Amino acid sequence: MIKKHNAFGILELLIVIIIAIVVYFSFFHSNYGRKNPFDDNAGIKTQQQAVDSKIQEIEDYKKLRQDIEKNLQKGY
């Protein structure tokens, strides 16, 4: 009975090793050029800040344009 239990432990160990290898290669050796999938979150935050900045610039330009149009209508 000891051999059956020992063989079952080795089988479990092999399954864990195979799963670890699959997870390692799927996360850290993907074909999309990224080495660490957790770095994407930092890039998203940076892109979001850039988009927010551009939106704020557009809103500022719209307000400036409205002010210029009001001033032109008043004759300044």
Protein backbone atom coordinates (compact mmCIF):
# COMPACT_ATOMS: atom_id res chain seq x y z
CA MET A 1 0.00 0.00 0.00
CA ILE A 2 2.90 2.36 0.53
CA LYS A 3 3.83 2.25 -3.16
CA LYS A 4 0.30 3.15 -4.24
CA HIS A 5 0.23 6.14 -1.91
CA ASN A 6 3.73 7.20 -2.95
CA ALA A 7 2.88 6.87 -6.63
CA PHE A 8 -0.23 8.95 -6.12
CA GLY A 9 1.88 11.70 -4.49
CA ILE A 10 4.28 11.70 -7.43
CA LEU A 11 1.34 11.92 -9.84
CA GLU A 12 -0.03 14.92 -7.96
CA LEU A 13 3.42 16.53 -8.02
CA LEU A 14 3.69 16.01 -11.78
CA ILE A 15 0.26 17.55 -12.35
CA VAL A 16 1.18 20.60 -10.27
CA ILE A 17 4.46 21.02 -12.15
CA ILE A 18 2.72 20.76 -15.53
CA ILE A 19 0.09 23.32 -14.50
CA ALA A 20 2.80 25.66 -13.21
CA ILE A 21 4.73 25.40 -16.50
CA VAL A 22 1.59 26.05 -18.56
CA VAL A 23 0.65 29.07 -16.45
CA TYR A 24 4.20 30.43 -16.58
CA PHE A 25 4.47 30.22 -20.35
CA SER A 26 0.95 31.49 -20.98
CA PHE A 27 1.39 34.58 -18.79
CA PHE A 28 5.04 35.51 -19.17
CA HIS A 29 5.90 34.26 -22.67
CA SER A 30 2.94 35.38 -24.73
CA ASN A 31 3.13 36.10 -28.44
CA TYR A 32 1.94 39.68 -28.03
CA GLY A 33 5.28 41.11 -26.93
CA ARG A 34 4.53 41.71 -23.28
CA LYS A 35 6.70 40.16 -20.62
CA ASN A 36 4.53 40.86 -17.60
CA PRO A 37 0.74 40.93 -17.94
CA PHE A 38 0.44 43.03 -14.81
CA ASP A 39 2.29 45.93 -16.48
CA ASP A 40 -0.76 46.56 -18.68
CA ASN A 41 -2.55 48.21 -15.80
CA ALA A 42 0.13 50.91 -15.54
CA GLY A 43 -0.11 51.59 -19.27
CA ILE A 44 -3.87 51.90 -19.07
CA LYS A 45 -3.62 54.47 -16.28
CA THR A 46 -1.12 56.50 -18.30
CA GLN A 47 -3.31 56.33 -21.41
CA GLN A 48 -6.36 57.33 -19.36
CA GLN A 49 -4.50 60.34 -18.01
CA ALA A 50 -3.51 61.35 -21.56
CA VAL A 51 -7.11 61.03 -22.76
CA ASP A 52 -8.39 63.04 -19.78
CA SER A 53 -5.79 65.72 -20.51
CA LYS A 54 -6.84 65.96 -24.17
CA ILE A 55 -10.52 66.15 -23.20
CA GLN A 56 -9.72 68.98 -20.79
CA GLU A 57 -7.78 70.82 -23.52
CA ILE A 58 -10.72 70.48 -25.92
CA GLU A 59 -13.13 71.81 -23.30
CA ASP A 60 -10.77 74.74 -22.63
CA TYR A 61 -10.58 75.53 -26.37
CA LYS A 62 -14.38 75.42 -26.65
CA LYS A 63 -14.74 77.85 -23.75
CA LEU A 64 -12.09 80.14 -25.24
CA ARG A 65 -13.86 80.05 -28.62
CA GLN A 66 -17.18 80.94 -26.97
CA ASP A 67 -15.53 83.83 -25.13
CA ILE A 68 -13.96 85.09 -28.38
CA GLU A 69 -17.29 84.87 -30.20
CA LYS A 70 -19.04 86.77 -27.40
CA ASN A 71 -16.36 89.46 -27.48
CA LEU A 72 -16.66 89.78 -31.26
CA GLN A 73 -20.42 90.13 -31.02
CA LYS A 74 -20.06 92.84 -28.37
CA GLY A 75 -17.56 94.71 -30.55
CA TYR A 76 -14.46 94.46 -28.36
